[in-house]
Amino acid sequence: MKSFLNKISQLSSVQHLLLFDLEGELLYSFPSVSSSNVSLQTADWQELIEDLGTPETADFAFENGRFCLFRLLIGTLLVG
């Protein structure tokens, strides 16, 4: 799985890649996140995902980019 995530992160259009387990723990991050920001980002994304009713997929569009959410058997993948 890690080699697959590394390959995705090398795509020029991918600026962020986050993989959370089913409990909301961050398993993988590209670019790597400093330990001081990990808990804040994890909490923010997990709260948003839960507020949306844990969707299978979602697309978040912002002024300067977008994130796509994919629900996996092992957790949640966010690609930005």
Protein backbone atom coordinates (compact mmCIF):
# COMPACT_ATOMS: atom_id res chain seq x y z
CA MET A 1 0.00 0.00 0.00
CA LYS A 2 2.82 2.39 0.85
CA SER A 3 4.42 1.98 -2.58
CA PHE A 4 1.03 2.67 -4.19
CA LEU A 5 0.65 5.85 -2.12
CA ASN A 6 4.20 6.90 -2.99
CA LYS A 7 3.40 6.53 -6.69
CA ILE A 8 0.24 8.61 -6.37
CA SER A 9 2.12 11.32 -4.47
CA GLN A 10 4.62 11.59 -7.34
CA LEU A 11 1.93 12.70 -9.80
CA SER A 12 2.41 16.36 -10.64
CA SER A 13 -1.24 17.18 -9.97
CA VAL A 14 -1.17 15.72 -6.44
CA GLN A 15 -0.12 18.20 -3.76
CA HIS A 16 -1.51 16.42 -0.69
CA LEU A 17 -2.25 12.83 0.18
CA LEU A 18 -3.64 11.74 3.55
CA LEU A 19 -4.64 8.24 4.63
CA PHE A 20 -6.55 7.78 7.88
CA ASP A 21 -7.42 4.47 9.50
CA LEU A 22 -10.97 3.66 10.60
CA GLU A 23 -10.35 5.28 14.00
CA GLY A 24 -9.11 8.51 12.41
CA GLU A 25 -5.39 8.01 13.02
CA LEU A 26 -3.13 9.36 10.30
CA LEU A 27 -1.35 6.46 8.59
CA TYR A 28 0.27 8.26 5.66
CA SER A 29 0.85 11.87 4.73
CA PHE A 30 2.35 13.58 1.69
CA PRO A 31 4.03 15.88 2.17
CA SER A 32 4.99 14.64 5.60
CA VAL A 33 3.28 16.57 8.36
CA SER A 34 5.16 17.85 11.39
CA SER A 35 4.06 16.14 14.58
CA SER A 36 2.67 19.42 15.96
CA ASN A 37 0.15 19.69 13.11
CA VAL A 38 -0.87 16.04 12.85
CA SER A 39 -3.47 16.03 15.63
CA LEU A 40 -5.11 19.26 14.43
CA GLN A 41 -5.37 18.13 10.82
CA THR A 42 -6.59 14.68 11.79
CA ALA A 43 -9.27 16.10 14.06
CA ASP A 44 -10.43 18.61 11.43
CA TRP A 45 -10.76 16.04 8.65
CA GLN A 46 -12.33 13.40 10.88
CA GLU A 47 -14.91 15.88 12.16
CA LEU A 48 -15.80 16.89 8.61
CA ILE A 49 -16.06 13.28 7.45
CA GLU A 50 -18.28 12.34 10.38
CA ASP A 51 -20.47 15.43 9.90
CA LEU A 52 -21.04 14.33 6.30
CA GLY A 53 -22.19 10.90 7.47
CA THR A 54 -18.99 9.07 6.47
CA PRO A 55 -19.54 9.21 2.69
CA GLU A 56 -18.05 6.67 0.28
CA THR A 57 -16.72 9.51 -1.91
CA ALA A 58 -16.75 13.28 -1.78
CA ASP A 59 -15.27 16.18 -3.72
CA PHE A 60 -14.29 19.40 -1.95
CA ALA A 61 -13.63 22.38 -4.23
CA PHE A 62 -11.78 25.44 -2.92
CA GLU A 63 -10.52 28.61 -4.59
CA ASN A 64 -6.97 27.31 -4.86
CA GLY A 65 -7.51 23.57 -5.25
CA ARG A 66 -9.63 20.59 -4.38
CA PHE A 67 -9.66 17.43 -2.30
CA CYS A 68 -11.21 14.12 -3.26
CA LEU A 69 -12.24 11.73 -0.50
CA PHE A 70 -12.39 7.98 -0.98
CA ARG A 71 -13.65 5.57 1.66
CA LEU A 72 -11.54 2.39 1.74
CA LEU A 73 -11.84 -0.84 3.71
CA ILE A 74 -8.95 0.29 5.92
CA GLY A 75 -9.99 3.93 6.32
CA THR A 76 -10.23 7.17 4.34
CA LEU A 77 -7.97 8.49 1.59
CA LEU A 78 -7.86 12.21 0.82
CA VAL A 79 -6.15 13.37 -2.36
CA GLY A 80 -5.55 17.07 -2.94
